[in-house]
PDB file of N, CA and C in Angstrom:
ATOM      1  N   MET A   1     -42.796   4.179 -16.179  1.00  0.00           N
ATOM      2  CA  MET A   1     -42.201   2.992 -16.794  1.00  0.00           C
ATOM      3  C   MET A   1     -41.196   2.369 -15.829  1.00  0.00           C
ATOM      4  N   ALA A   2     -41.183   1.070 -15.810  1.00  0.00           N
ATOM      5  CA  ALA A   2     -40.266   0.351 -14.928  1.00  0.00           C
ATOM      6  C   ALA A   2     -38.853   0.348 -15.500  1.00  0.00           C
ATOM      7  N   GLY A   3     -37.897   0.089 -14.635  1.00  0.00           N
ATOM      8  CA  GLY A   3     -36.498   0.035 -15.058  1.00  0.00           C
ATOM      9  C   GLY A   3     -36.160  -1.268 -15.757  1.00  0.00           C
ATOM     10  N   TRP A   4     -34.900  -1.364 -16.203  1.00  0.00           N
ATOM     11  CA  TRP A   4     -34.430  -2.557 -16.885  1.00  0.00           C
ATOM     12  C   TRP A   4     -32.915  -2.655 -16.785  1.00  0.00           C
ATOM     13  N   PHE A   5     -32.422  -3.822 -17.133  1.00  0.00           N
ATOM     14  CA  PHE A   5     -30.989  -4.072 -17.187  1.00  0.00           C
ATOM     15  C   PHE A   5     -30.538  -4.088 -18.639  1.00  0.00           C
ATOM     16  N   GLU A   6     -29.316  -3.611 -18.880  1.00  0.00           N
ATOM     17  CA  GLU A   6     -28.692  -3.724 -20.195  1.00  0.00           C
ATOM     18  C   GLU A   6     -27.364  -4.433 -20.028  1.00  0.00           C
ATOM     19  N   VAL A   7     -27.151  -5.470 -20.843  1.00  0.00           N
ATOM     20  CA  VAL A   7     -25.896  -6.211 -20.847  1.00  0.00           C
ATOM     21  C   VAL A   7     -25.113  -5.799 -22.090  1.00  0.00           C
ATOM     22  N   THR A   8     -23.846  -5.425 -21.884  1.00  0.00           N
ATOM     23  CA  THR A   8     -22.983  -5.031 -22.999  1.00  0.00           C
ATOM     24  C   THR A   8     -21.661  -5.774 -22.906  1.00  0.00           C
ATOM     25  N   GLN A   9     -20.934  -5.748 -24.013  1.00  0.00           N
ATOM     26  CA  GLN A   9     -19.622  -6.390 -24.062  1.00  0.00           C
ATOM     27  C   GLN A   9     -18.563  -5.312 -24.283  1.00  0.00           C
ATOM     28  N   ALA A  10     -17.521  -5.335 -23.444  1.00  0.00           N
ATOM     29  CA  ALA A  10     -16.426  -4.370 -23.552  1.00  0.00           C
ATOM     30  C   ALA A  10     -15.508  -4.752 -24.710  1.00  0.00           C
ATOM     31  N   SER A  11     -14.647  -3.831 -25.081  1.00  0.00           N
ATOM     32  CA  SER A  11     -13.738  -4.067 -26.206  1.00  0.00           C
ATOM     33  C   SER A  11     -12.782  -5.236 -25.944  1.00  0.00           C
ATOM     34  N   ASP A  12     -12.536  -5.554 -24.668  1.00  0.00           N
ATOM     35  CA  ASP A  12     -11.643  -6.679 -24.350  1.00  0.00           C
ATOM     36  C   ASP A  12     -12.390  -8.010 -24.260  1.00  0.00           C
ATOM     37  N   GLY A  13     -13.688  -8.014 -24.600  1.00  0.00           N
ATOM     38  CA  GLY A  13     -14.466  -9.250 -24.623  1.00  0.00           C
ATOM     39  C   GLY A  13     -15.199  -9.550 -23.329  1.00  0.00           C
ATOM     40  N   GLN A  14     -14.966  -8.778 -22.288  1.00  0.00           N
ATOM     41  CA  GLN A  14     -15.665  -9.008 -21.035  1.00  0.00           C
ATOM     42  C   GLN A  14     -17.055  -8.371 -21.084  1.00  0.00           C
ATOM     43  N   TYR A  15     -17.887  -8.761 -20.117  1.00  0.00           N
ATOM     44  CA  TYR A  15     -19.284  -8.317 -20.083  1.00  0.00           C
ATOM     45  C   TYR A  15     -19.534  -7.467 -18.849  1.00  0.00           C
ATOM     46  N   ARG A  16     -20.512  -6.578 -18.980  1.00  0.00           N
ATOM     47  CA  ARG A  16     -20.949  -5.771 -17.838  1.00  0.00           C
ATOM     48  C   ARG A  16     -22.436  -5.531 -17.999  1.00  0.00           C
ATOM     49  N   PHE A  17     -23.063  -5.087 -16.921  1.00  0.00           N
ATOM     50  CA  PHE A  17     -24.461  -4.679 -17.014  1.00  0.00           C
ATOM     51  C   PHE A  17     -24.647  -3.364 -16.290  1.00  0.00           C
ATOM     52  N   VAL A  18     -25.682  -2.672 -16.683  1.00  0.00           N
ATOM     53  CA  VAL A  18     -26.134  -1.477 -15.975  1.00  0.00           C
ATOM     54  C   VAL A  18     -27.608  -1.666 -15.664  1.00  0.00           C
ATOM     55  N   LEU A  19     -28.040  -1.023 -14.584  1.00  0.00           N
ATOM     56  CA  LEU A  19     -29.459  -0.950 -14.258  1.00  0.00           C
ATOM     57  C   LEU A  19     -29.915   0.458 -14.610  1.00  0.00           C
ATOM     58  N   LYS A  20     -30.965   0.528 -15.418  1.00  0.00           N
ATOM     59  CA  LYS A  20     -31.516   1.820 -15.838  1.00  0.00           C
ATOM     60  C   LYS A  20     -32.868   2.029 -15.159  1.00  0.00           C
ATOM     61  N   ALA A  21     -33.109   3.273 -14.754  1.00  0.00           N
ATOM     62  CA  ALA A  21     -34.415   3.644 -14.217  1.00  0.00           C
ATOM     63  C   ALA A  21     -35.399   3.810 -15.375  1.00  0.00           C
ATOM     64  N   GLY A  22     -36.662   3.977 -15.052  1.00  0.00           N
ATOM     65  CA  GLY A  22     -37.685   4.137 -16.073  1.00  0.00           C
ATOM     66  C   GLY A  22     -37.442   5.309 -17.008  1.00  0.00           C
ATOM     67  N   ASN A  23     -36.678   6.313 -16.555  1.00  0.00           N
ATOM     68  CA  ASN A  23     -36.371   7.473 -17.392  1.00  0.00           C
ATOM     69  C   ASN A  23     -35.094   7.263 -18.213  1.00  0.00           C
ATOM     70  N   ALA A  24     -34.565   6.046 -18.229  1.00  0.00           N
ATOM     71  CA  ALA A  24     -33.377   5.618 -18.986  1.00  0.00           C
ATOM     72  C   ALA A  24     -32.061   6.096 -18.373  1.00  0.00           C
ATOM     73  N   GLU A  25     -32.106   6.662 -17.164  1.00  0.00           N
ATOM     74  CA  GLU A  25     -30.883   7.074 -16.484  1.00  0.00           C
ATOM     75  C   GLU A  25     -30.221   5.847 -15.846  1.00  0.00           C
ATOM     76  N   THR A  26     -28.907   5.717 -16.016  1.00  0.00           N
ATOM     77  CA  THR A  26     -28.171   4.619 -15.394  1.00  0.00           C
ATOM     78  C   THR A  26     -28.081   4.872 -13.895  1.00  0.00           C
ATOM     79  N   ILE A  27     -28.504   3.879 -13.101  1.00  0.00           N
ATOM     80  CA  ILE A  27     -28.496   4.043 -11.645  1.00  0.00           C
ATOM     81  C   ILE A  27     -27.571   3.056 -10.943  1.00  0.00           C
ATOM     82  N   LEU A  28     -27.047   2.055 -11.662  1.00  0.00           N
ATOM     83  CA  LEU A  28     -26.112   1.102 -11.066  1.00  0.00           C
ATOM     84  C   LEU A  28     -25.247   0.509 -12.168  1.00  0.00           C
ATOM     85  N   ASN A  29     -23.933   0.426 -11.919  1.00  0.00           N
ATOM     86  CA  ASN A  29     -22.978  -0.152 -12.866  1.00  0.00           C
ATOM     87  C   ASN A  29     -22.337  -1.387 -12.254  1.00  0.00           C
ATOM     88  N   SER A  30     -22.179  -2.420 -13.054  1.00  0.00           N
ATOM     89  CA  SER A  30     -21.524  -3.635 -12.558  1.00  0.00           C
ATOM     90  C   SER A  30     -20.028  -3.581 -12.805  1.00  0.00           C
ATOM     91  N   GLU A  31     -19.364  -4.563 -12.235  1.00  0.00           N
ATOM     92  CA  GLU A  31     -17.957  -4.797 -12.558  1.00  0.00           C
ATOM     93  C   GLU A  31     -17.902  -5.501 -13.913  1.00  0.00           C
ATOM     94  N   LEU A  32     -16.705  -5.800 -14.383  1.00  0.00           N
ATOM     95  CA  LEU A  32     -16.553  -6.588 -15.616  1.00  0.00           C
ATOM     96  C   LEU A  32     -16.575  -8.074 -15.269  1.00  0.00           C
ATOM     97  N   TYR A  33     -17.229  -8.846 -16.119  1.00  0.00           N
ATOM     98  CA  TYR A  33     -17.322 -10.297 -15.948  1.00  0.00           C
ATOM     99  C   TYR A  33     -16.694 -10.976 -17.161  1.00  0.00           C
ATOM    100  N   LYS A  34     -16.079 -12.128 -16.951  1.00  0.00           N
ATOM    101  CA  LYS A  34     -15.427 -12.849 -18.043  1.00  0.00           C
ATOM    102  C   LYS A  34     -16.431 -13.483 -19.010  1.00  0.00           C
ATOM    103  N   THR A  35     -17.623 -13.834 -18.508  1.00  0.00           N
ATOM    104  CA  THR A  35     -18.622 -14.471 -19.355  1.00  0.00           C
ATOM    105  C   THR A  35     -19.970 -13.757 -19.233  1.00  0.00           C
ATOM    106  N   LYS A  36     -20.794 -13.927 -20.254  1.00  0.00           N
ATOM    107  CA  LYS A  36     -22.143 -13.367 -20.208  1.00  0.00           C
ATOM    108  C   LYS A  36     -22.944 -14.040 -19.102  1.00  0.00           C
ATOM    109  N   ALA A  37     -22.749 -15.339 -18.908  1.00  0.00           N
ATOM    110  CA  ALA A  37     -23.471 -16.057 -17.850  1.00  0.00           C
ATOM    111  C   ALA A  37     -23.168 -15.456 -16.480  1.00  0.00           C
ATOM    112  N   ALA A  38     -21.907 -15.076 -16.247  1.00  0.00           N
ATOM    113  CA  ALA A  38     -21.538 -14.467 -14.969  1.00  0.00           C
ATOM    114  C   ALA A  38     -22.222 -13.103 -14.814  1.00  0.00           C
ATOM    115  N   ALA A  39     -22.304 -12.340 -15.894  1.00  0.00           N
ATOM    116  CA  ALA A  39     -23.003 -11.047 -15.840  1.00  0.00           C
ATOM    117  C   ALA A  39     -24.486 -11.256 -15.533  1.00  0.00           C
ATOM    118  N   LEU A  40     -25.086 -12.271 -16.136  1.00  0.00           N
ATOM    119  CA  LEU A  40     -26.493 -12.574 -15.868  1.00  0.00           C
ATOM    120  C   LEU A  40     -26.692 -13.013 -14.421  1.00  0.00           C
ATOM    121  N   ASN A  41     -25.727 -13.732 -13.858  1.00  0.00           N
ATOM    122  CA  ASN A  41     -25.792 -14.089 -12.437  1.00  0.00           C
ATOM    123  C   ASN A  41     -25.724 -12.827 -11.577  1.00  0.00           C
ATOM    124  N   GLY A  42     -24.911 -11.848 -12.009  1.00  0.00           N
ATOM    125  CA  GLY A  42     -24.845 -10.572 -11.298  1.00  0.00           C
ATOM    126  C   GLY A  42     -26.188  -9.866 -11.304  1.00  0.00           C
ATOM    127  N   ILE A  43     -26.870  -9.899 -12.440  1.00  0.00           N
ATOM    128  CA  ILE A  43     -28.212  -9.303 -12.532  1.00  0.00           C
ATOM    129  C   ILE A  43     -29.161 -10.001 -11.568  1.00  0.00           C
ATOM    130  N   ALA A  44     -29.102 -11.331 -11.533  1.00  0.00           N
ATOM    131  CA  ALA A  44     -29.965 -12.086 -10.611  1.00  0.00           C
ATOM    132  C   ALA A  44     -29.690 -11.690  -9.160  1.00  0.00           C
ATOM    133  N   SER A  45     -28.439 -11.416  -8.862  1.00  0.00           N
ATOM    134  CA  SER A  45     -28.081 -10.996  -7.506  1.00  0.00           C
ATOM    135  C   SER A  45     -28.650  -9.614  -7.192  1.00  0.00           C
ATOM    136  N   VAL A  46     -28.622  -8.697  -8.176  1.00  0.00           N
ATOM    137  CA  VAL A  46     -29.242  -7.380  -7.978  1.00  0.00           C
ATOM    138  C   VAL A  46     -30.741  -7.553  -7.751  1.00  0.00           C
ATOM    139  N   GLN A  47     -31.374  -8.387  -8.570  1.00  0.00           N
ATOM    140  CA  GLN A  47     -32.815  -8.598  -8.438  1.00  0.00           C
ATOM    141  C   GLN A  47     -33.167  -9.097  -7.036  1.00  0.00           C
ATOM    142  N   LYS A  48     -32.330  -9.951  -6.487  1.00  0.00           N
ATOM    143  CA  LYS A  48     -32.574 -10.536  -5.170  1.00  0.00           C
ATOM    144  C   LYS A  48     -32.236  -9.571  -4.032  1.00  0.00           C
ATOM    145  N   ASN A  49     -31.118  -8.875  -4.124  1.00  0.00           N
ATOM    146  CA  ASN A  49     -30.598  -8.097  -3.002  1.00  0.00           C
ATOM    147  C   ASN A  49     -31.021  -6.636  -2.970  1.00  0.00           C
ATOM    148  N   SER A  50     -31.429  -6.065  -4.119  1.00  0.00           N
ATOM    149  CA  SER A  50     -31.698  -4.620  -4.170  1.00  0.00           C
ATOM    150  C   SER A  50     -32.811  -4.138  -3.241  1.00  0.00           C
ATOM    151  N   PRO A  51     -33.843  -4.915  -2.932  1.00  0.00           N
ATOM    152  CA  PRO A  51     -34.879  -4.382  -2.043  1.00  0.00           C
ATOM    153  C   PRO A  51     -34.440  -4.225  -0.579  1.00  0.00           C
ATOM    154  N   ASP A  52     -33.338  -4.833  -0.184  1.00  0.00           N
ATOM    155  CA  ASP A  52     -32.913  -4.908   1.219  1.00  0.00           C
ATOM    156  C   ASP A  52     -31.932  -3.782   1.569  1.00  0.00           C
ATOM    157  N   ASP A  53     -32.339  -2.869   2.444  1.00  0.00           N
ATOM    158  CA  ASP A  53     -31.519  -1.699   2.763  1.00  0.00           C
ATOM    159  C   ASP A  53     -30.151  -2.069   3.345  1.00  0.00           C
ATOM    160  N   VAL A  54     -30.062  -3.183   4.064  1.00  0.00           N
ATOM    161  CA  VAL A  54     -28.764  -3.542   4.669  1.00  0.00           C
ATOM    162  C   VAL A  54     -27.725  -3.934   3.624  1.00  0.00           C
ATOM    163  N   ARG A  55     -28.131  -4.131   2.383  1.00  0.00           N
ATOM    164  CA  ARG A  55     -27.209  -4.499   1.304  1.00  0.00           C
ATOM    165  C   ARG A  55     -26.496  -3.284   0.704  1.00  0.00           C
ATOM    166  N   TYR A  56     -26.865  -2.070   1.143  1.00  0.00           N
ATOM    167  CA  TYR A  56     -26.271  -0.853   0.587  1.00  0.00           C
ATOM    168  C   TYR A  56     -25.163  -0.331   1.503  1.00  0.00           C
ATOM    169  N   GLU A  57     -24.021  -0.121   0.897  1.00  0.00           N
ATOM    170  CA  GLU A  57     -22.884   0.464   1.597  1.00  0.00           C
ATOM    171  C   GLU A  57     -22.776   1.915   1.139  1.00  0.00           C
ATOM    172  N   ARG A  58     -23.029   2.833   2.057  1.00  0.00           N
ATOM    173  CA  ARG A  58     -22.988   4.266   1.747  1.00  0.00           C
ATOM    174  C   ARG A  58     -21.570   4.774   1.961  1.00  0.00           C
ATOM    175  N   LEU A  59     -20.995   5.368   0.911  1.00  0.00           N
ATOM    176  CA  LEU A  59     -19.585   5.761   0.917  1.00  0.00           C
ATOM    177  C   LEU A  59     -19.421   7.204   0.449  1.00  0.00           C
ATOM    178  N   THR A  60     -18.209   7.717   0.638  1.00  0.00           N
ATOM    179  CA  THR A  60     -17.846   9.043   0.132  1.00  0.00           C
ATOM    180  C   THR A  60     -16.534   8.907  -0.635  1.00  0.00           C
ATOM    181  N   SER A  61     -16.482   9.467  -1.835  1.00  0.00           N
ATOM    182  CA  SER A  61     -15.291   9.383  -2.681  1.00  0.00           C
ATOM    183  C   SER A  61     -14.179  10.282  -2.147  1.00  0.00           C
ATOM    184  N   LYS A  62     -13.004  10.147  -2.727  1.00  0.00           N
ATOM    185  CA  LYS A  62     -11.860  10.982  -2.333  1.00  0.00           C
ATOM    186  C   LYS A  62     -12.138  12.469  -2.533  1.00  0.00           C
ATOM    187  N   ASN A  63     -12.986  12.779  -3.511  1.00  0.00           N
ATOM    188  CA  ASN A  63     -13.317  14.194  -3.734  1.00  0.00           C
ATOM    189  C   ASN A  63     -14.622  14.594  -3.026  1.00  0.00           C
ATOM    190  N   GLU A  64     -14.956  13.812  -1.970  1.00  0.00           N
ATOM    191  CA  GLU A  64     -16.077  14.142  -1.066  1.00  0.00           C
ATOM    192  C   GLU A  64     -17.462  14.009  -1.694  1.00  0.00           C
ATOM    193  N   LYS A  65     -17.586  13.200  -2.730  1.00  0.00           N
ATOM    194  CA  LYS A  65     -18.890  12.989  -3.356  1.00  0.00           C
ATOM    195  C   LYS A  65     -19.503  11.685  -2.820  1.00  0.00           C
ATOM    196  N   PRO A  66     -20.753  11.715  -2.366  1.00  0.00           N
ATOM    197  CA  PRO A  66     -21.413  10.500  -1.892  1.00  0.00           C
ATOM    198  C   PRO A  66     -21.694   9.533  -3.047  1.00  0.00           C
ATOM    199  N   TYR A  67     -21.596   8.239  -2.754  1.00  0.00           N
ATOM    200  CA  TYR A  67     -21.992   7.184  -3.690  1.00  0.00           C
ATOM    201  C   TYR A  67     -22.309   5.942  -2.874  1.00  0.00           C
ATOM    202  N   PHE A  68     -22.728   4.870  -3.528  1.00  0.00           N
ATOM    203  CA  PHE A  68     -23.015   3.639  -2.800  1.00  0.00           C
ATOM    204  C   PHE A  68     -22.623   2.418  -3.608  1.00  0.00           C
ATOM    205  N   ASN A  69     -22.413   1.333  -2.874  1.00  0.00           N
ATOM    206  CA  ASN A  69     -22.244   0.001  -3.455  1.00  0.00           C
ATOM    207  C   ASN A  69     -23.424  -0.844  -3.014  1.00  0.00           C
ATOM    208  N   LEU A  70     -23.899  -1.700  -3.913  1.00  0.00           N
ATOM    209  CA  LEU A  70     -24.873  -2.724  -3.566  1.00  0.00           C
ATOM    210  C   LEU A  70     -24.090  -4.008  -3.387  1.00  0.00           C
ATOM    211  N   LYS A  71     -24.273  -4.670  -2.243  1.00  0.00           N
ATOM    212  CA  LYS A  71     -23.513  -5.873  -1.929  1.00  0.00           C
ATOM    213  C   LYS A  71     -24.432  -7.075  -1.785  1.00  0.00           C
ATOM    214  N   ALA A  72     -23.886  -8.238  -2.117  1.00  0.00           N
ATOM    215  CA  ALA A  72     -24.596  -9.502  -1.933  1.00  0.00           C
ATOM    216  C   ALA A  72     -24.466  -9.938  -0.466  1.00  0.00           C
ATOM    217  N   ALA A  73     -25.141 -11.012  -0.115  1.00  0.00           N
ATOM    218  CA  ALA A  73     -25.094 -11.535   1.252  1.00  0.00           C
ATOM    219  C   ALA A  73     -23.667 -11.898   1.665  1.00  0.00           C
ATOM    220  N   ASN A  74     -22.825 -12.276   0.695  1.00  0.00           N
ATOM    221  CA  ASN A  74     -21.428 -12.638   0.995  1.00  0.00           C
ATOM    222  C   ASN A  74     -20.517 -11.404   1.048  1.00  0.00           C
ATOM    223  N   HIS A  75     -21.110 -10.214   1.014  1.00  0.00           N
ATOM    224  CA  HIS A  75     -20.415  -8.919   1.096  1.00  0.00           C
ATOM    225  C   HIS A  75     -19.650  -8.553  -0.175  1.00  0.00           C
ATOM    226  N   GLN A  76     -19.840  -9.301  -1.246  1.00  0.00           N
ATOM    227  CA  GLN A  76     -19.202  -8.973  -2.525  1.00  0.00           C
ATOM    228  C   GLN A  76     -20.005  -7.856  -3.204  1.00  0.00           C
ATOM    229  N   VAL A  77     -19.290  -6.875  -3.765  1.00  0.00           N
ATOM    230  CA  VAL A  77     -19.955  -5.768  -4.456  1.00  0.00           C
ATOM    231  C   VAL A  77     -20.593  -6.278  -5.747  1.00  0.00           C
ATOM    232  N   ILE A  78     -21.876  -5.985  -5.921  1.00  0.00           N
ATOM    233  CA  ILE A  78     -22.600  -6.364  -7.136  1.00  0.00           C
ATOM    234  C   ILE A  78     -22.603  -5.194  -8.120  1.00  0.00           C
ATOM    235  N   GLY A  79     -22.761  -3.997  -7.582  1.00  0.00           N
ATOM    236  CA  GLY A  79     -22.842  -2.822  -8.432  1.00  0.00           C
ATOM    237  C   GLY A  79     -22.499  -1.560  -7.664  1.00  0.00           C
ATOM    238  N   THR A  80     -22.116  -0.531  -8.413  1.00  0.00           N
ATOM    239  CA  THR A  80     -21.704   0.747  -7.847  1.00  0.00           C
ATOM    240  C   THR A  80     -22.500   1.863  -8.512  1.00  0.00           C
ATOM    241  N   SER A  81     -22.834   2.864  -7.718  1.00  0.00           N
ATOM    242  CA  SER A  81     -23.594   3.998  -8.250  1.00  0.00           C
ATOM    243  C   SER A  81     -22.672   5.037  -8.861  1.00  0.00           C
ATOM    244  N   GLN A  82     -23.274   6.037  -9.408  1.00  0.00           N
ATOM    245  CA  GLN A  82     -22.558   7.240  -9.846  1.00  0.00           C
ATOM    246  C   GLN A  82     -22.176   8.037  -8.603  1.00  0.00           C
ATOM    247  N   LEU A  83     -21.434   9.104  -8.776  1.00  0.00           N
ATOM    248  CA  LEU A  83     -21.150  10.036  -7.697  1.00  0.00           C
ATOM    249  C   LEU A  83     -22.292  11.049  -7.634  1.00  0.00           C
ATOM    250  N   TYR A  84     -22.709  11.356  -6.430  1.00  0.00           N
ATOM    251  CA  TYR A  84     -23.832  12.277  -6.232  1.00  0.00           C
ATOM    252  C   TYR A  84     -23.356  13.596  -5.643  1.00  0.00           C
ATOM    253  N   ALA A  85     -24.161  14.637  -5.818  1.00  0.00           N
ATOM    254  CA  ALA A  85     -23.829  15.965  -5.298  1.00  0.00           C
ATOM    255  C   ALA A  85     -24.088  16.068  -3.800  1.00  0.00           C
ATOM    256  N   SER A  86     -24.983  15.230  -3.269  1.00  0.00           N
ATOM    257  CA  SER A  86     -25.335  15.309  -1.845  1.00  0.00           C
ATOM    258  C   SER A  86     -25.731  13.935  -1.326  1.00  0.00           C
ATOM    259  N   GLU A  87     -25.739  13.795  -0.003  1.00  0.00           N
ATOM    260  CA  GLU A  87     -26.193  12.544   0.612  1.00  0.00           C
ATOM    261  C   GLU A  87     -27.670  12.322   0.321  1.00  0.00           C
ATOM    262  N   GLN A  88     -28.437  13.388   0.264  1.00  0.00           N
ATOM    263  CA  GLN A  88     -29.862  13.284  -0.059  1.00  0.00           C
ATOM    264  C   GLN A  88     -30.048  12.704  -1.465  1.00  0.00           C
ATOM    265  N   SER A  89     -29.236  13.162  -2.419  1.00  0.00           N
ATOM    266  CA  SER A  89     -29.308  12.624  -3.787  1.00  0.00           C
ATOM    267  C   SER A  89     -28.929  11.151  -3.800  1.00  0.00           C
ATOM    268  N   ARG A  90     -27.911  10.785  -3.011  1.00  0.00           N
ATOM    269  CA  ARG A  90     -27.513   9.374  -2.928  1.00  0.00           C
ATOM    270  C   ARG A  90     -28.668   8.524  -2.413  1.00  0.00           C
ATOM    271  N   GLU A  91     -29.384   9.014  -1.390  1.00  0.00           N
ATOM    272  CA  GLU A  91     -30.512   8.261  -0.846  1.00  0.00           C
ATOM    273  C   GLU A  91     -31.610   8.081  -1.893  1.00  0.00           C
ATOM    274  N   LYS A  92     -31.830   9.099  -2.722  1.00  0.00           N
ATOM    275  CA  LYS A  92     -32.803   8.965  -3.814  1.00  0.00           C
ATOM    276  C   LYS A  92     -32.331   7.916  -4.817  1.00  0.00           C
ATOM    277  N   GLY A  93     -31.007   7.864  -5.067  1.00  0.00           N
ATOM    278  CA  GLY A  93     -30.451   6.839  -5.951  1.00  0.00           C
ATOM    279  C   GLY A  93     -30.675   5.445  -5.403  1.00  0.00           C
ATOM    280  N   ILE A  94     -30.464   5.278  -4.098  1.00  0.00           N
ATOM    281  CA  ILE A  94     -30.694   3.975  -3.459  1.00  0.00           C
ATOM    282  C   ILE A  94     -32.165   3.593  -3.586  1.00  0.00           C
ATOM    283  N   GLU A  95     -33.061   4.537  -3.334  1.00  0.00           N
ATOM    284  CA  GLU A  95     -34.499   4.250  -3.464  1.00  0.00           C
ATOM    285  C   GLU A  95     -34.839   3.836  -4.891  1.00  0.00           C
ATOM    286  N   SER A  96     -34.193   4.455  -5.867  1.00  0.00           N
ATOM    287  CA  SER A  96     -34.441   4.096  -7.263  1.00  0.00           C
ATOM    288  C   SER A  96     -33.957   2.675  -7.559  1.00  0.00           C
ATOM    289  N   VAL A  97     -32.805   2.296  -7.011  1.00  0.00           N
ATOM    290  CA  VAL A  97     -32.313   0.925  -7.212  1.00  0.00           C
ATOM    291  C   VAL A  97     -33.238  -0.070  -6.506  1.00  0.00           C
ATOM    292  N   LYS A  98     -33.708   0.272  -5.322  1.00  0.00           N
ATOM    293  CA  LYS A  98     -34.654  -0.610  -4.618  1.00  0.00           C
ATOM    294  C   LYS A  98     -35.917  -0.824  -5.460  1.00  0.00           C
ATOM    295  N   LYS A  99     -36.383   0.244  -6.091  1.00  0.00           N
ATOM    296  CA  LYS A  99     -37.612   0.179  -6.898  1.00  0.00           C
ATOM    297  C   LYS A  99     -37.388  -0.563  -8.219  1.00  0.00           C
ATOM    298  N   ASN A 100     -36.276  -0.257  -8.898  1.00  0.00           N
ATOM    299  CA  ASN A 100     -36.051  -0.803 -10.241  1.00  0.00           C
ATOM    300  C   ASN A 100     -35.242  -2.104 -10.264  1.00  0.00           C
ATOM    301  N   GLY A 101     -34.501  -2.385  -9.199  1.00  0.00           N
ATOM    302  CA  GLY A 101     -33.635  -3.563  -9.162  1.00  0.00           C
ATOM    303  C   GLY A 101     -34.326  -4.901  -9.361  1.00  0.00           C
ATOM    304  N   PRO A 102     -35.540  -5.074  -8.848  1.00  0.00           N
ATOM    305  CA  PRO A 102     -36.220  -6.355  -9.061  1.00  0.00           C
ATOM    306  C   PRO A 102     -36.723  -6.584 -10.491  1.00  0.00           C
ATOM    307  N   SER A 103     -36.539  -5.616 -11.367  1.00  0.00           N
ATOM    308  CA  SER A 103     -37.018  -5.734 -12.747  1.00  0.00           C
ATOM    309  C   SER A 103     -36.531  -7.030 -13.396  1.00  0.00           C
ATOM    310  N   GLU A 104     -37.416  -7.653 -14.155  1.00  0.00           N
ATOM    311  CA  GLU A 104     -37.057  -8.872 -14.877  1.00  0.00           C
ATOM    312  C   GLU A 104     -36.723  -8.582 -16.343  1.00  0.00           C
ATOM    313  N   THR A 105     -36.761  -7.303 -16.728  1.00  0.00           N
ATOM    314  CA  THR A 105     -36.471  -6.923 -18.111  1.00  0.00           C
ATOM    315  C   THR A 105     -34.959  -6.808 -18.313  1.00  0.00           C
ATOM    316  N   ILE A 106     -34.426  -7.627 -19.220  1.00  0.00           N
ATOM    317  CA  ILE A 106     -32.993  -7.622 -19.526  1.00  0.00           C
ATOM    318  C   ILE A 106     -32.845  -7.402 -21.029  1.00  0.00           C
ATOM    319  N   LYS A 107     -32.151  -6.338 -21.389  1.00  0.00           N
ATOM    320  CA  LYS A 107     -31.885  -6.049 -22.797  1.00  0.00           C
ATOM    321  C   LYS A 107     -30.452  -6.472 -23.090  1.00  0.00           C
ATOM    322  N   ASP A 108     -30.303  -7.480 -23.926  1.00  0.00           N
ATOM    323  CA  ASP A 108     -28.985  -7.995 -24.281  1.00  0.00           C
ATOM    324  C   ASP A 108     -28.478  -7.224 -25.497  1.00  0.00           C
ATOM    325  N   LEU A 109     -27.530  -6.323 -25.279  1.00  0.00           N
ATOM    326  CA  LEU A 109     -26.993  -5.506 -26.363  1.00  0.00           C
ATOM    327  C   LEU A 109     -25.706  -6.097 -26.960  1.00  0.00           C
ATOM    328  N   THR A 110     -25.426  -7.356 -26.629  1.00  0.00           N
ATOM    329  CA  THR A 110     -24.208  -8.000 -27.115  1.00  0.00           C
ATOM    330  C   THR A 110     -24.437  -8.738 -28.423  1.00  0.00           C
ATOM    331  N   VAL A 111     -25.676  -8.898 -28.837  1.00  0.00           N
ATOM    332  CA  VAL A 111     -25.971  -9.680 -30.046  1.00  0.00           C
ATOM    333  C   VAL A 111     -26.150  -8.802 -31.265  1.00  0.00           C
TER     334      VAL A 111
END
């Protein structure tokens, strides 16, 4: 099964999205957006940029856990991954975002 995006609204009224893999595991989290339209623009940016390896910034957290950011052409962060146990796991996460990121399925959970 292909992945999909879910749009939700935070308790403060802002919006965010997650990208889920076909197994329903969250593989990318967005920042908070002031409007639903801005969150949808973020999804469009993931759809456009996720297939391109140069858009991934591979990082290590303060507690030495690998993770990544997906960035747009303007170098703005579109989404952030979970923390991984190994660099190999992080690379599998990136491959999953590359595969599922172009998905056109958006589940609006704000209504």
